[in-house]
Amino acid sequence: MDLVRLVGRVILVVAVGGAGLSKIGARSRLVEAIAGYRLVPAWMAVRLGRWIPIAEVATAFLLAVGVCLTGAALFSAACMTAFAAAMAVNLLQGRRIACGCSGNSSSPSSWPLVARNLFLAAIAVIVATTPSATGHFAVVPPGTAVPSGDVLGEAAVVLATCNSLLVIALLRHTRHLHHRTRTLHTLTRQAGNT
């Protein structure tokens, strides 16, 4: 189990840390990418553009050194799921925009990127819910109380379930809006022809 957790941590450190480091020097492009999703107001896009890279680098650091491991992994899972949902919403609306995944070389959002983010979220949940050989979920100083593995595992499952339900709800809502938009567009075009 320690090997599974270690491999998962390495994958997350490389993915999350690399993304965060590449975004630090390209915050204005990140703000543009976030605003391009049209899911948050402009003022929030600016704040997210400022804090996402810092949070990603800090999370990668925590994962690398093994401090607050469960929390860092759950945070990674939540972020990856949110990023996947934002891309999916835009793709369902027929919009391929810069994903904002990395600094200056952001590729357009795509279904493979949505799948990649969900895969990374799954790895993060595995890291969060896989106990080490000592039975602990994180490296903690001696004498520090560690919550029961069952409680942390259940919390991770609840978080993953909530994220999945959120993604499903967003996808359904977006599909419904996309259908309505197409119908309105068709009706408008027909009205213009008559």
C-alpha atoms as a PDB file:
ATOM      1  CA  MET A   1       0.000   0.000   0.000  1.00  0.00           C
ATOM      2  CA  ASP A   2       2.879   2.382   0.684  1.00  0.00           C
ATOM      3  CA  LEU A   3       4.140   1.893  -2.891  1.00  0.00           C
ATOM      4  CA  VAL A   4       0.714   2.750  -4.361  1.00  0.00           C
ATOM      5  CA  ARG A   5       0.544   5.850  -2.219  1.00  0.00           C
ATOM      6  CA  LEU A   6       4.110   6.862  -3.067  1.00  0.00           C
ATOM      7  CA  VAL A   7       3.573   6.477  -6.820  1.00  0.00           C
ATOM      8  CA  GLY A   8       0.343   8.488  -6.545  1.00  0.00           C
ATOM      9  CA  ARG A   9       2.134  11.210  -4.607  1.00  0.00           C
ATOM     10  CA  VAL A  10       4.907  11.420  -7.209  1.00  0.00           C
ATOM     11  CA  ILE A  11       2.361  11.694 -10.037  1.00  0.00           C
ATOM     12  CA  LEU A  12       0.496  14.458  -8.189  1.00  0.00           C
ATOM     13  CA  VAL A  13       3.668  16.355  -7.253  1.00  0.00           C
ATOM     14  CA  VAL A  14       4.797  16.389 -10.879  1.00  0.00           C
ATOM     15  CA  ALA A  15       1.353  17.280 -12.289  1.00  0.00           C
ATOM     16  CA  VAL A  16       0.211  19.805  -9.675  1.00  0.00           C
ATOM     17  CA  GLY A  17       3.621  21.284  -8.902  1.00  0.00           C
ATOM     18  CA  GLY A  18       4.586  21.558 -12.563  1.00  0.00           C
ATOM     19  CA  ALA A  19       1.315  23.274 -13.417  1.00  0.00           C
ATOM     20  CA  GLY A  20       1.646  25.697 -10.505  1.00  0.00           C
ATOM     21  CA  LEU A  21       5.246  26.610 -11.290  1.00  0.00           C
ATOM     22  CA  SER A  22       4.474  27.210 -14.958  1.00  0.00           C
ATOM     23  CA  LYS A  23       1.568  29.506 -14.041  1.00  0.00           C
ATOM     24  CA  ILE A  24       3.463  31.696 -11.571  1.00  0.00           C
ATOM     25  CA  GLY A  25       5.254  33.607 -14.326  1.00  0.00           C
ATOM     26  CA  ALA A  26       2.185  33.777 -16.563  1.00  0.00           C
ATOM     27  CA  ARG A  27      -0.550  34.987 -14.251  1.00  0.00           C
ATOM     28  CA  SER A  28      -2.074  37.409 -16.758  1.00  0.00           C
ATOM     29  CA  ARG A  29      -2.594  34.549 -19.241  1.00  0.00           C
ATOM     30  CA  LEU A  30      -4.104  32.456 -16.448  1.00  0.00           C
ATOM     31  CA  VAL A  31      -6.527  35.256 -15.569  1.00  0.00           C
ATOM     32  CA  GLU A  32      -7.497  35.475 -19.265  1.00  0.00           C
ATOM     33  CA  ALA A  33      -8.038  31.705 -19.382  1.00  0.00           C
ATOM     34  CA  ILE A  34     -10.162  31.722 -16.218  1.00  0.00           C
ATOM     35  CA  ALA A  35     -12.233  34.638 -17.518  1.00  0.00           C
ATOM     36  CA  GLY A  36     -12.608  32.795 -20.832  1.00  0.00           C
ATOM     37  CA  TYR A  37     -14.545  30.035 -19.087  1.00  0.00           C
ATOM     38  CA  ARG A  38     -17.290  32.572 -18.304  1.00  0.00           C
ATOM     39  CA  LEU A  39     -18.093  30.846 -15.031  1.00  0.00           C
ATOM     40  CA  VAL A  40     -16.897  33.473 -12.541  1.00  0.00           C
ATOM     41  CA  PRO A  41     -17.009  37.283 -12.475  1.00  0.00           C
ATOM     42  CA  ALA A  42     -13.924  39.195 -13.658  1.00  0.00           C
ATOM     43  CA  TRP A  43     -12.865  40.198 -10.140  1.00  0.00           C
ATOM     44  CA  MET A  44     -12.880  36.528  -9.086  1.00  0.00           C
ATOM     45  CA  ALA A  45     -10.882  35.505 -12.162  1.00  0.00           C
ATOM     46  CA  VAL A  46      -8.172  37.956 -11.067  1.00  0.00           C
ATOM     47  CA  ARG A  47      -8.095  36.538  -7.540  1.00  0.00           C
ATOM     48  CA  LEU A  48      -8.132  32.945  -8.749  1.00  0.00           C
ATOM     49  CA  GLY A  49      -5.323  33.763 -11.171  1.00  0.00           C
ATOM     50  CA  ARG A  50      -3.304  35.064  -8.263  1.00  0.00           C
ATOM     51  CA  TRP A  51      -3.941  32.214  -5.828  1.00  0.00           C
ATOM     52  CA  ILE A  52      -4.289  29.041  -7.925  1.00  0.00           C
ATOM     53  CA  PRO A  53      -0.556  28.844  -8.783  1.00  0.00           C
ATOM     54  CA  ILE A  54       0.437  29.456  -5.161  1.00  0.00           C
ATOM     55  CA  ALA A  55      -2.042  26.845  -3.918  1.00  0.00           C
ATOM     56  CA  GLU A  56      -0.808  24.321  -6.484  1.00  0.00           C
ATOM     57  CA  VAL A  57       2.849  24.799  -5.558  1.00  0.00           C
ATOM     58  CA  ALA A  58       2.055  24.645  -1.835  1.00  0.00           C
ATOM     59  CA  THR A  59      -0.042  21.509  -2.329  1.00  0.00           C
ATOM     60  CA  ALA A  60       2.732  19.850  -4.338  1.00  0.00           C
ATOM     61  CA  PHE A  61       5.211  20.729  -1.568  1.00  0.00           C
ATOM     62  CA  LEU A  62       2.964  19.184   1.097  1.00  0.00           C
ATOM     63  CA  LEU A  63       2.531  16.059  -1.021  1.00  0.00           C
ATOM     64  CA  ALA A  64       6.291  15.832  -1.602  1.00  0.00           C
ATOM     65  CA  VAL A  65       7.279  16.109   2.050  1.00  0.00           C
ATOM     66  CA  GLY A  66       4.314  14.123   3.362  1.00  0.00           C
ATOM     67  CA  VAL A  67       2.939  16.789   5.691  1.00  0.00           C
ATOM     68  CA  CYS A  68      -0.853  17.173   5.781  1.00  0.00           C
ATOM     69  CA  LEU A  69      -0.878  14.475   3.129  1.00  0.00           C
ATOM     70  CA  THR A  70      -4.557  13.627   3.318  1.00  0.00           C
ATOM     71  CA  GLY A  71      -5.636  17.265   3.234  1.00  0.00           C
ATOM     72  CA  ALA A  72      -3.298  18.066   0.340  1.00  0.00           C
ATOM     73  CA  ALA A  73      -4.517  15.054  -1.618  1.00  0.00           C
ATOM     74  CA  LEU A  74      -8.180  15.900  -0.986  1.00  0.00           C
ATOM     75  CA  PHE A  75      -7.552  19.511  -2.004  1.00  0.00           C
ATOM     76  CA  SER A  76      -5.938  18.239  -5.213  1.00  0.00           C
ATOM     77  CA  ALA A  77      -8.935  15.993  -5.882  1.00  0.00           C
ATOM     78  CA  ALA A  78     -11.372  18.865  -5.363  1.00  0.00           C
ATOM     79  CA  CYS A  79      -9.397  21.220  -7.633  1.00  0.00           C
ATOM     80  CA  MET A  80      -8.952  18.655 -10.395  1.00  0.00           C
ATOM     81  CA  THR A  81     -12.661  17.851 -10.321  1.00  0.00           C
ATOM     82  CA  ALA A  82     -13.574  21.550 -10.431  1.00  0.00           C
ATOM     83  CA  PHE A  83     -11.186  22.134 -13.361  1.00  0.00           C
ATOM     84  CA  ALA A  84     -12.651  19.130 -15.202  1.00  0.00           C
ATOM     85  CA  ALA A  85     -16.202  20.381 -14.590  1.00  0.00           C
ATOM     86  CA  ALA A  86     -15.344  23.883 -15.869  1.00  0.00           C
ATOM     87  CA  MET A  87     -13.856  22.440 -19.061  1.00  0.00           C
ATOM     88  CA  ALA A  88     -16.788  20.051 -19.556  1.00  0.00           C
ATOM     89  CA  VAL A  89     -19.331  22.848 -19.186  1.00  0.00           C
ATOM     90  CA  ASN A  90     -17.608  24.881 -21.893  1.00  0.00           C
ATOM     91  CA  LEU A  91     -17.100  21.906 -24.196  1.00  0.00           C
ATOM     92  CA  LEU A  92     -20.797  21.051 -23.954  1.00  0.00           C
ATOM     93  CA  GLN A  93     -21.559  24.639 -24.953  1.00  0.00           C
ATOM     94  CA  GLY A  94     -19.370  24.138 -28.017  1.00  0.00           C
ATOM     95  CA  ARG A  95     -16.577  26.372 -26.733  1.00  0.00           C
ATOM     96  CA  ARG A  96     -12.924  25.276 -27.004  1.00  0.00           C
ATOM     97  CA  ILE A  97     -10.970  27.815 -25.010  1.00  0.00           C
ATOM     98  CA  ALA A  98      -7.468  27.884 -23.533  1.00  0.00           C
ATOM     99  CA  CYS A  99      -7.554  25.441 -20.642  1.00  0.00           C
ATOM    100  CA  GLY A 100      -5.226  27.435 -18.376  1.00  0.00           C
ATOM    101  CA  CYS A 101      -3.524  24.186 -17.374  1.00  0.00           C
ATOM    102  CA  SER A 102      -0.032  25.600 -17.679  1.00  0.00           C
ATOM    103  CA  GLY A 103       1.655  28.958 -18.092  1.00  0.00           C
ATOM    104  CA  ASN A 104       2.389  30.224 -21.579  1.00  0.00           C
ATOM    105  CA  SER A 105       1.615  27.023 -23.457  1.00  0.00           C
ATOM    106  CA  SER A 106      -2.002  26.334 -22.513  1.00  0.00           C
ATOM    107  CA  SER A 107      -3.644  24.015 -24.982  1.00  0.00           C
ATOM    108  CA  PRO A 108      -7.322  24.283 -25.866  1.00  0.00           C
ATOM    109  CA  SER A 109      -9.727  22.528 -23.550  1.00  0.00           C
ATOM    110  CA  SER A 110     -10.713  19.072 -24.740  1.00  0.00           C
ATOM    111  CA  TRP A 111     -12.357  15.887 -23.542  1.00  0.00           C
ATOM    112  CA  PRO A 112      -8.972  14.177 -23.073  1.00  0.00           C
ATOM    113  CA  LEU A 113      -7.995  17.024 -20.694  1.00  0.00           C
ATOM    114  CA  VAL A 114     -11.263  16.537 -18.789  1.00  0.00           C
ATOM    115  CA  ALA A 115     -10.463  12.811 -18.523  1.00  0.00           C
ATOM    116  CA  ARG A 116      -6.885  13.568 -17.433  1.00  0.00           C
ATOM    117  CA  ASN A 117      -8.086  15.858 -14.633  1.00  0.00           C
ATOM    118  CA  LEU A 118     -10.620  13.278 -13.441  1.00  0.00           C
ATOM    119  CA  PHE A 119      -7.884  10.617 -13.535  1.00  0.00           C
ATOM    120  CA  LEU A 120      -5.630  12.860 -11.411  1.00  0.00           C
ATOM    121  CA  ALA A 121      -8.547  13.459  -9.024  1.00  0.00           C
ATOM    122  CA  ALA A 122      -8.972   9.684  -8.681  1.00  0.00           C
ATOM    123  CA  ILE A 123      -5.253   9.305  -7.940  1.00  0.00           C
ATOM    124  CA  ALA A 124      -5.552  12.037  -5.305  1.00  0.00           C
ATOM    125  CA  VAL A 125      -8.475  10.223  -3.647  1.00  0.00           C
ATOM    126  CA  ILE A 126      -6.432   7.004  -3.630  1.00  0.00           C
ATOM    127  CA  VAL A 127      -3.514   8.854  -2.002  1.00  0.00           C
ATOM    128  CA  ALA A 128      -5.879  10.346   0.576  1.00  0.00           C
ATOM    129  CA  THR A 129      -7.576   7.068   1.439  1.00  0.00           C
ATOM    130  CA  THR A 130      -4.639   4.636   1.353  1.00  0.00           C
ATOM    131  CA  PRO A 131      -3.101   4.241   4.801  1.00  0.00           C
ATOM    132  CA  SER A 132       0.647   3.890   5.213  1.00  0.00           C
ATOM    133  CA  ALA A 133       2.230   0.775   6.717  1.00  0.00           C
ATOM    134  CA  THR A 134       1.917   2.397  10.147  1.00  0.00           C
ATOM    135  CA  GLY A 135      -1.822   2.851   9.648  1.00  0.00           C
ATOM    136  CA  HIS A 136      -1.537   6.620   9.546  1.00  0.00           C
ATOM    137  CA  PHE A 137      -2.812   8.742   6.709  1.00  0.00           C
ATOM    138  CA  ALA A 138      -0.096  11.366   6.970  1.00  0.00           C
ATOM    139  CA  VAL A 139       3.374  11.899   8.304  1.00  0.00           C
ATOM    140  CA  VAL A 140       2.877  13.700  11.592  1.00  0.00           C
ATOM    141  CA  PRO A 141       5.198  14.630  14.441  1.00  0.00           C
ATOM    142  CA  PRO A 142       5.443  12.025  17.236  1.00  0.00           C
ATOM    143  CA  GLY A 143       2.796  12.422  19.896  1.00  0.00           C
ATOM    144  CA  THR A 144       0.336  14.163  17.584  1.00  0.00           C
ATOM    145  CA  ALA A 145      -3.167  12.724  17.551  1.00  0.00           C
ATOM    146  CA  VAL A 146      -4.048  11.213  14.193  1.00  0.00           C
ATOM    147  CA  PRO A 147      -7.715  10.766  13.248  1.00  0.00           C
ATOM    148  CA  SER A 148      -8.919   7.273  12.619  1.00  0.00           C
ATOM    149  CA  GLY A 149      -8.280   5.972   9.133  1.00  0.00           C
ATOM    150  CA  ASP A 150     -11.947   5.096   8.808  1.00  0.00           C
ATOM    151  CA  VAL A 151     -13.014   8.687   9.427  1.00  0.00           C
ATOM    152  CA  LEU A 152     -10.526  10.065   6.886  1.00  0.00           C
ATOM    153  CA  GLY A 153     -11.425   7.412   4.347  1.00  0.00           C
ATOM    154  CA  GLU A 154     -15.111   8.133   4.756  1.00  0.00           C
ATOM    155  CA  ALA A 155     -14.471  11.871   4.426  1.00  0.00           C
ATOM    156  CA  ALA A 156     -12.557  11.269   1.194  1.00  0.00           C
ATOM    157  CA  VAL A 157     -15.339   9.097  -0.193  1.00  0.00           C
ATOM    158  CA  VAL A 158     -17.938  11.724   0.730  1.00  0.00           C
ATOM    159  CA  LEU A 159     -15.835  14.446  -0.922  1.00  0.00           C
ATOM    160  CA  ALA A 160     -15.318  12.392  -4.060  1.00  0.00           C
ATOM    161  CA  THR A 161     -19.037  11.550  -4.194  1.00  0.00           C
ATOM    162  CA  CYS A 162     -20.031  15.201  -3.759  1.00  0.00           C
ATOM    163  CA  ASN A 163     -17.595  16.246  -6.475  1.00  0.00           C
ATOM    164  CA  SER A 164     -18.961  13.581  -8.812  1.00  0.00           C
ATOM    165  CA  LEU A 165     -22.551  14.635  -8.133  1.00  0.00           C
ATOM    166  CA  LEU A 166     -21.596  18.252  -8.742  1.00  0.00           C
ATOM    167  CA  VAL A 167     -20.010  17.375 -12.078  1.00  0.00           C
ATOM    168  CA  ILE A 168     -23.060  15.336 -13.105  1.00  0.00           C
ATOM    169  CA  ALA A 169     -25.412  18.161 -12.111  1.00  0.00           C
ATOM    170  CA  LEU A 170     -23.333  20.712 -14.016  1.00  0.00           C
ATOM    171  CA  LEU A 171     -23.224  18.507 -17.093  1.00  0.00           C
ATOM    172  CA  ARG A 172     -26.995  17.966 -17.017  1.00  0.00           C
ATOM    173  CA  HIS A 173     -27.665  21.651 -16.485  1.00  0.00           C
ATOM    174  CA  THR A 174     -25.289  22.638 -19.263  1.00  0.00           C
ATOM    175  CA  ARG A 175     -26.755  20.091 -21.680  1.00  0.00           C
ATOM    176  CA  HIS A 176     -30.228  21.460 -20.908  1.00  0.00           C
ATOM    177  CA  LEU A 177     -29.039  25.046 -21.486  1.00  0.00           C
ATOM    178  CA  HIS A 178     -27.253  24.038 -24.680  1.00  0.00           C
ATOM    179  CA  HIS A 179     -30.443  22.408 -25.984  1.00  0.00           C
ATOM    180  CA  ARG A 180     -32.475  25.529 -25.130  1.00  0.00           C
ATOM    181  CA  THR A 181     -29.908  27.778 -26.807  1.00  0.00           C
ATOM    182  CA  ARG A 182     -29.983  25.684 -29.972  1.00  0.00           C
ATOM    183  CA  THR A 183     -33.793  25.735 -29.996  1.00  0.00           C
ATOM    184  CA  LEU A 184     -33.812  29.514 -29.502  1.00  0.00           C
ATOM    185  CA  HIS A 185     -31.235  29.937 -32.267  1.00  0.00           C
ATOM    186  CA  THR A 186     -33.327  27.787 -34.632  1.00  0.00           C
ATOM    187  CA  LEU A 187     -36.492  29.733 -33.821  1.00  0.00           C
ATOM    188  CA  THR A 188     -34.697  33.042 -34.310  1.00  0.00           C
ATOM    189  CA  ARG A 189     -33.329  31.908 -37.670  1.00  0.00           C
ATOM    190  CA  GLN A 190     -36.793  30.701 -38.762  1.00  0.00           C
ATOM    191  CA  ALA A 191     -38.354  34.016 -37.673  1.00  0.00           C
ATOM    192  CA  GLY A 192     -35.737  35.892 -39.711  1.00  0.00           C
ATOM    193  CA  ASN A 193     -36.555  33.846 -42.832  1.00  0.00           C
ATOM    194  CA  THR A 194     -40.259  34.633 -42.721  1.00  0.00           C
END
